[in-house]
Every structure is written in structure tokens, then in C-alpha cells.
Amino acid sequence: MTQWEYQVAPIPLHNEALMLNNFGQDGWELVAIHTNAQGGLVAFLKKQKA
């Protein structure tokens, strides 16, 4: 059975792609992105446990 670890991270509005690409280089896959109550973005990411 595949096991996953998860991360929730705020994403700055001025360099979203840079932040998401950095997570991707570390093996994280974007699952969802939502706007928080303050209007900022929050990314939900996962990667397979080693």
C-alpha cells in the first residue's frame, strides 16, 4: 500500500510559480490550492513516503 506524507503551505501572491516549482523539485505534488480567509493562497501537497 502506498503511504503519503502531506504538507500545507502558504503561497506568496507575487511568485506562485516559483514556490510551486520549488516544492515540485523536492518531490511534492500539488493536490489542491485554496484561498484562505485573508485572501492568500494555501497549497495542499503530497509526496510518497520514502
PDB file of N, CA and C in Angstrom:
ATOM      1  N   MET A   1       0.845  -1.174   0.000  1.00  0.00           N
ATOM      2  CA  MET A   1       0.000   0.000   0.000  1.00  0.00           C
ATOM      3  C   MET A   1       0.895   1.244   0.000  1.00  0.00           C
ATOM      4  N   THR A   2       0.583   2.182  -0.854  1.00  0.00           N
ATOM      5  CA  THR A   2       1.340   3.423  -0.924  1.00  0.00           C
ATOM      6  C   THR A   2       1.038   4.284   0.292  1.00  0.00           C
ATOM      7  N   GLN A   3       2.090   4.815   0.892  1.00  0.00           N
ATOM      8  CA  GLN A   3       1.920   5.727   2.021  1.00  0.00           C
ATOM      9  C   GLN A   3       2.367   7.117   1.585  1.00  0.00           C
ATOM     10  N   TRP A   4       1.615   8.125   2.033  1.00  0.00           N
ATOM     11  CA  TRP A   4       1.866   9.502   1.641  1.00  0.00           C
ATOM     12  C   TRP A   4       2.169  10.356   2.857  1.00  0.00           C
ATOM     13  N   GLU A   5       2.942  11.403   2.638  1.00  0.00           N
ATOM     14  CA  GLU A   5       3.065  12.451   3.633  1.00  0.00           C
ATOM     15  C   GLU A   5       2.505  13.716   2.995  1.00  0.00           C
ATOM     16  N   TYR A   6       1.997  14.595   3.826  1.00  0.00           N
ATOM     17  CA  TYR A   6       1.300  15.784   3.343  1.00  0.00           C
ATOM     18  C   TYR A   6       1.904  17.046   3.920  1.00  0.00           C
ATOM     19  N   GLN A   7       1.727  18.129   3.176  1.00  0.00           N
ATOM     20  CA  GLN A   7       2.197  19.432   3.632  1.00  0.00           C
ATOM     21  C   GLN A   7       1.167  20.476   3.227  1.00  0.00           C
ATOM     22  N   VAL A   8       0.947  21.430   4.108  1.00  0.00           N
ATOM     23  CA  VAL A   8       0.085  22.577   3.824  1.00  0.00           C
ATOM     24  C   VAL A   8       0.980  23.803   3.901  1.00  0.00           C
ATOM     25  N   ALA A   9       0.990  24.617   2.843  1.00  0.00           N
ATOM     26  CA  ALA A   9       1.931  25.732   2.790  1.00  0.00           C
ATOM     27  C   ALA A   9       1.277  26.985   2.222  1.00  0.00           C
ATOM     28  N   PRO A  10       1.533  28.143   2.837  1.00  0.00           N
ATOM     29  CA  PRO A  10       1.073  29.400   2.253  1.00  0.00           C
ATOM     30  C   PRO A  10       1.902  29.707   1.007  1.00  0.00           C
ATOM     31  N   ILE A  11       1.259  30.267   0.000  1.00  0.00           N
ATOM     32  CA  ILE A  11       1.942  30.603  -1.251  1.00  0.00           C
ATOM     33  C   ILE A  11       1.870  32.121  -1.450  1.00  0.00           C
ATOM     34  N   PRO A  12       3.026  32.803  -1.473  1.00  0.00           N
ATOM     35  CA  PRO A  12       3.021  34.255  -1.680  1.00  0.00           C
ATOM     36  C   PRO A  12       2.419  34.607  -3.037  1.00  0.00           C
ATOM     37  N   LEU A  13       1.621  35.651  -3.068  1.00  0.00           N
ATOM     38  CA  LEU A  13       0.908  36.014  -4.293  1.00  0.00           C
ATOM     39  C   LEU A  13       1.817  36.566  -5.388  1.00  0.00           C
ATOM     40  N   HIS A  14       3.002  37.000  -5.066  1.00  0.00           N
ATOM     41  CA  HIS A  14       3.851  37.608  -6.093  1.00  0.00           C
ATOM     42  C   HIS A  14       4.767  36.617  -6.803  1.00  0.00           C
ATOM     43  N   ASN A  15       4.909  35.386  -6.304  1.00  0.00           N
ATOM     44  CA  ASN A  15       5.742  34.390  -7.011  1.00  0.00           C
ATOM     45  C   ASN A  15       5.224  32.973  -6.782  1.00  0.00           C
ATOM     46  N   GLU A  16       3.979  32.763  -7.182  1.00  0.00           N
ATOM     47  CA  GLU A  16       3.331  31.468  -7.002  1.00  0.00           C
ATOM     48  C   GLU A  16       4.073  30.352  -7.727  1.00  0.00           C
ATOM     49  N   ALA A  17       4.402  30.580  -8.990  1.00  0.00           N
ATOM     50  CA  ALA A  17       5.042  29.536  -9.801  1.00  0.00           C
ATOM     51  C   ALA A  17       6.388  29.144  -9.222  1.00  0.00           C
ATOM     52  N   LEU A  18       7.164  30.108  -8.770  1.00  0.00           N
ATOM     53  CA  LEU A  18       8.466  29.806  -8.187  1.00  0.00           C
ATOM     54  C   LEU A  18       8.321  28.906  -6.971  1.00  0.00           C
ATOM     55  N   MET A  19       7.412  29.240  -6.083  1.00  0.00           N
ATOM     56  CA  MET A  19       7.203  28.435  -4.884  1.00  0.00           C
ATOM     57  C   MET A  19       6.753  27.023  -5.236  1.00  0.00           C
ATOM     58  N   LEU A  20       5.775  26.900  -6.136  1.00  0.00           N
ATOM     59  CA  LEU A  20       5.272  25.580  -6.504  1.00  0.00           C
ATOM     60  C   LEU A  20       6.332  24.758  -7.225  1.00  0.00           C
ATOM     61  N   ASN A  21       7.137  25.392  -8.063  1.00  0.00           N
ATOM     62  CA  ASN A  21       8.229  24.678  -8.730  1.00  0.00           C
ATOM     63  C   ASN A  21       9.262  24.184  -7.718  1.00  0.00           C
ATOM     64  N   ASN A  22       9.532  24.984  -6.691  1.00  0.00           N
ATOM     65  CA  ASN A  22      10.469  24.550  -5.652  1.00  0.00           C
ATOM     66  C   ASN A  22       9.936  23.318  -4.924  1.00  0.00           C
ATOM     67  N   PHE A  23       8.654  23.317  -4.596  1.00  0.00           N
ATOM     68  CA  PHE A  23       8.059  22.137  -3.964  1.00  0.00           C
ATOM     69  C   PHE A  23       8.161  20.936  -4.900  1.00  0.00           C
ATOM     70  N   GLY A  24       7.875  21.138  -6.180  1.00  0.00           N
ATOM     71  CA  GLY A  24       7.940  20.057  -7.158  1.00  0.00           C
ATOM     72  C   GLY A  24       9.334  19.459  -7.263  1.00  0.00           C
ATOM     73  N   GLN A  25      10.363  20.296  -7.215  1.00  0.00           N
ATOM     74  CA  GLN A  25      11.744  19.803  -7.271  1.00  0.00           C
ATOM     75  C   GLN A  25      12.078  18.949  -6.059  1.00  0.00           C
ATOM     76  N   ASP A  26      11.378  19.200  -4.946  1.00  0.00           N
ATOM     77  CA  ASP A  26      11.592  18.403  -3.737  1.00  0.00           C
ATOM     78  C   ASP A  26      10.700  17.169  -3.681  1.00  0.00           C
ATOM     79  N   GLY A  27       9.962  16.904  -4.768  1.00  0.00           N
ATOM     80  CA  GLY A  27       9.147  15.700  -4.844  1.00  0.00           C
ATOM     81  C   GLY A  27       7.698  15.867  -4.430  1.00  0.00           C
ATOM     82  N   TRP A  28       7.292  17.099  -4.084  1.00  0.00           N
ATOM     83  CA  TRP A  28       5.910  17.342  -3.665  1.00  0.00           C
ATOM     84  C   TRP A  28       5.007  17.518  -4.882  1.00  0.00           C
ATOM     85  N   GLU A  29       3.810  16.958  -4.806  1.00  0.00           N
ATOM     86  CA  GLU A  29       2.796  17.084  -5.852  1.00  0.00           C
ATOM     87  C   GLU A  29       1.650  17.935  -5.315  1.00  0.00           C
ATOM     88  N   LEU A  30       1.247  18.936  -6.089  1.00  0.00           N
ATOM     89  CA  LEU A  30       0.132  19.794  -5.694  1.00  0.00           C
ATOM     90  C   LEU A  30      -1.170  19.011  -5.796  1.00  0.00           C
ATOM     91  N   VAL A  31      -1.915  18.968  -4.689  1.00  0.00           N
ATOM     92  CA  VAL A  31      -3.198  18.270  -4.650  1.00  0.00           C
ATOM     93  C   VAL A  31      -4.333  19.267  -4.835  1.00  0.00           C
ATOM     94  N   ALA A  32      -4.233  20.404  -4.146  1.00  0.00           N
ATOM     95  CA  ALA A  32      -5.272  21.429  -4.218  1.00  0.00           C
ATOM     96  C   ALA A  32      -4.673  22.757  -3.799  1.00  0.00           C
ATOM     97  N   ILE A  33      -5.328  23.827  -4.218  1.00  0.00           N
ATOM     98  CA  ILE A  33      -4.937  25.162  -3.783  1.00  0.00           C
ATOM     99  C   ILE A  33      -6.220  25.924  -3.474  1.00  0.00           C
ATOM    100  N   HIS A  34      -6.224  26.611  -2.334  1.00  0.00           N
ATOM    101  CA  HIS A  34      -7.420  27.322  -1.885  1.00  0.00           C
ATOM    102  C   HIS A  34      -7.056  28.726  -1.443  1.00  0.00           C
ATOM    103  N   THR A  35      -8.048  29.596  -1.421  1.00  0.00           N
ATOM    104  CA  THR A  35      -7.890  30.944  -0.887  1.00  0.00           C
ATOM    105  C   THR A  35      -8.291  30.921   0.576  1.00  0.00           C
ATOM    106  N   ASN A  36      -7.430  31.466   1.439  1.00  0.00           N
ATOM    107  CA  ASN A  36      -7.769  31.498   2.863  1.00  0.00           C
ATOM    108  C   ASN A  36      -8.649  32.713   3.184  1.00  0.00           C
ATOM    109  N   ALA A  37      -9.038  32.847   4.434  1.00  0.00           N
ATOM    110  CA  ALA A  37      -9.949  33.918   4.849  1.00  0.00           C
ATOM    111  C   ALA A  37      -9.356  35.309   4.622  1.00  0.00           C
ATOM    112  N   GLN A  38      -8.034  35.407   4.623  1.00  0.00           N
ATOM    113  CA  GLN A  38      -7.373  36.694   4.415  1.00  0.00           C
ATOM    114  C   GLN A  38      -7.109  36.993   2.937  1.00  0.00           C
ATOM    115  N   GLY A  39      -7.491  36.102   2.053  1.00  0.00           N
ATOM    116  CA  GLY A  39      -7.308  36.312   0.619  1.00  0.00           C
ATOM    117  C   GLY A  39      -6.019  35.728   0.061  1.00  0.00           C
ATOM    118  N   GLY A  40      -5.215  35.085   0.891  1.00  0.00           N
ATOM    119  CA  GLY A  40      -3.975  34.466   0.422  1.00  0.00           C
ATOM    120  C   GLY A  40      -4.219  33.053  -0.076  1.00  0.00           C
ATOM    121  N   LEU A  41      -3.213  32.514  -0.731  1.00  0.00           N
ATOM    122  CA  LEU A  41      -3.308  31.158  -1.259  1.00  0.00           C
ATOM    123  C   LEU A  41      -2.669  30.164  -0.305  1.00  0.00           C
ATOM    124  N   VAL A  42      -3.279  29.001  -0.212  1.00  0.00           N
ATOM    125  CA  VAL A  42      -2.748  27.902   0.593  1.00  0.00           C
ATOM    126  C   VAL A  42      -2.697  26.665  -0.295  1.00  0.00           C
ATOM    127  N   ALA A  43      -1.511  26.060  -0.379  1.00  0.00           N
ATOM    128  CA  ALA A  43      -1.328  24.867  -1.199  1.00  0.00           C
ATOM    129  C   ALA A  43      -1.343  23.625  -0.328  1.00  0.00           C
ATOM    130  N   PHE A  44      -1.995  22.593  -0.817  1.00  0.00           N
ATOM    131  CA  PHE A  44      -2.023  21.281  -0.176  1.00  0.00           C
ATOM    132  C   PHE A  44      -1.234  20.338  -1.078  1.00  0.00           C
ATOM    133  N   LEU A  45      -0.168  19.766  -0.533  1.00  0.00           N
ATOM    134  CA  LEU A  45       0.755  18.962  -1.317  1.00  0.00           C
ATOM    135  C   LEU A  45       0.929  17.580  -0.700  1.00  0.00           C
ATOM    136  N   LYS A  46       1.370  16.636  -1.528  1.00  0.00           N
ATOM    137  CA  LYS A  46       1.656  15.285  -1.030  1.00  0.00           C
ATOM    138  C   LYS A  46       2.882  14.746  -1.749  1.00  0.00           C
ATOM    139  N   LYS A  47       3.559  13.787  -1.077  1.00  0.00           N
ATOM    140  CA  LYS A  47       4.614  13.013  -1.731  1.00  0.00           C
ATOM    141  C   LYS A  47       4.675  11.649  -1.067  1.00  0.00           C
ATOM    142  N   GLN A  48       5.137  10.692  -1.833  1.00  0.00           N
ATOM    143  CA  GLN A  48       5.220   9.331  -1.336  1.00  0.00           C
ATOM    144  C   GLN A  48       6.290   9.240  -0.267  1.00  0.00           C
ATOM    145  N   LYS A  49       5.972   8.533   0.814  1.00  0.00           N
ATOM    146  CA  LYS A  49       6.949   8.325   1.882  1.00  0.00           C
ATOM    147  C   LYS A  49       8.074   7.453   1.363  1.00  0.00           C
ATOM    148  N   ALA A  50       9.274   7.769   1.785  1.00  0.00           N
ATOM    149  CA  ALA A  50      10.450   7.009   1.349  1.00  0.00           C
ATOM    150  C   ALA A  50      10.575   5.718   2.125  1.00  0.00           C
TER     151      ALA A  50
END
